[in-house]
Amino acid sequence: MELIVRVYAGSGAAADLVADVDGDHRVGDLAAALGAQLGVHDHDPTITLLRAGVVLDPAATVAESGVVSGDDLVVGAPYPV
């Protein structure tokens, strides 16, 4: 599936990114890939889904996470919402 998301780094940098993922890819893998695009070099970056105000479980699959195109995500250390 193709996800088109706005991704914010902890530094405040933001970018609209397209990710081509399978539903069984892990959230942690998505976080690492999106973080690399924004220069986030945290050891184990997390994704905060702003729409829901939650930090996503890195072990969950992308399908289980509920992330959809159009979402705003924060990648890096857990983001207080």
Protein backbone atom coordinates (compact mmCIF):
# COMPACT_ATOMS: atom_id res chain seq x y z
CA MET A 1 0.00 0.00 0.00
CA GLU A 2 1.10 3.55 -0.60
CA LEU A 3 1.02 5.98 2.32
CA ILE A 4 1.30 9.70 1.73
CA VAL A 5 2.00 11.32 5.09
CA ARG A 6 3.38 14.52 6.55
CA VAL A 7 6.27 13.61 8.81
CA TYR A 8 7.73 15.88 11.48
CA ALA A 9 11.13 15.32 13.02
CA GLY A 10 11.73 16.16 16.66
CA SER A 11 13.74 19.15 15.42
CA GLY A 12 10.61 20.61 13.83
CA ALA A 13 11.59 19.81 10.24
CA ALA A 14 8.66 18.48 8.22
CA ALA A 15 8.23 16.80 4.86
CA ASP A 16 5.47 15.20 2.86
CA LEU A 17 6.67 11.67 2.17
CA VAL A 18 5.41 8.68 0.23
CA ALA A 19 6.04 5.24 1.71
CA ASP A 20 5.35 2.04 -0.19
CA VAL A 21 4.69 -0.53 2.53
CA ASP A 22 3.04 -3.88 2.94
CA GLY A 23 0.48 -4.17 5.70
CA ASP A 24 2.71 -6.67 7.50
CA HIS A 25 5.70 -4.31 7.70
CA ARG A 26 6.41 -3.27 11.29
CA VAL A 27 5.85 0.25 12.59
CA GLY A 28 9.45 0.27 13.85
CA ASP A 29 10.71 -0.35 10.32
CA LEU A 30 8.52 2.45 8.98
CA ALA A 31 9.82 4.78 11.72
CA ALA A 32 13.43 4.00 10.81
CA ALA A 33 12.81 4.56 7.09
CA LEU A 34 10.89 7.82 7.56
CA GLY A 35 13.42 9.03 10.12
CA ALA A 36 16.29 8.36 7.73
CA GLN A 37 14.58 10.56 5.13
CA LEU A 38 14.45 13.44 7.63
CA GLY A 39 17.90 12.89 9.13
CA VAL A 40 16.57 11.48 12.42
CA HIS A 41 19.25 9.20 13.78
CA ASP A 42 17.64 8.01 17.03
CA HIS A 43 18.58 4.43 17.82
CA ASP A 44 14.96 3.24 17.90
CA PRO A 45 12.75 6.06 16.63
CA THR A 46 9.06 5.96 17.39
CA ILE A 47 6.06 7.25 15.48
CA THR A 48 3.50 9.46 17.18
CA LEU A 49 0.20 9.48 15.30
CA LEU A 50 -1.05 13.02 15.88
CA ARG A 51 -4.64 12.29 14.81
CA ALA A 52 -5.02 9.80 17.66
CA GLY A 53 -2.52 11.35 20.06
CA VAL A 54 -0.69 8.07 20.61
CA VAL A 55 2.79 6.66 20.24
CA LEU A 56 2.50 3.61 18.01
CA ASP A 57 3.81 0.23 19.10
CA PRO A 58 6.96 -0.41 17.05
CA ALA A 59 6.23 -4.16 17.03
CA ALA A 60 2.74 -3.68 15.54
CA THR A 61 2.21 -4.04 11.82
CA VAL A 62 1.45 -0.96 9.77
CA ALA A 63 -2.01 -2.40 9.09
CA GLU A 64 -2.66 -2.77 12.84
CA SER A 65 -1.41 0.75 13.57
CA GLY A 66 -4.24 2.53 11.77
CA VAL A 67 -1.92 4.89 9.86
CA VAL A 68 -3.59 6.09 6.66
CA SER A 69 -2.65 8.48 3.89
CA GLY A 70 -3.06 12.06 4.99
CA ASP A 71 -1.93 11.42 8.55
CA ASP A 72 0.54 13.66 10.37
CA LEU A 73 3.30 11.70 12.09
CA VAL A 74 6.14 12.67 14.41
CA VAL A 75 9.24 10.50 14.09
CA GLY A 76 11.91 10.37 16.77
CA ALA A 77 11.67 10.25 20.52
CA PRO A 78 8.11 9.84 21.86
CA TYR A 79 6.26 13.11 21.31
CA PRO A 80 4.04 14.50 24.10
CA VAL A 81 0.55 15.07 22.77
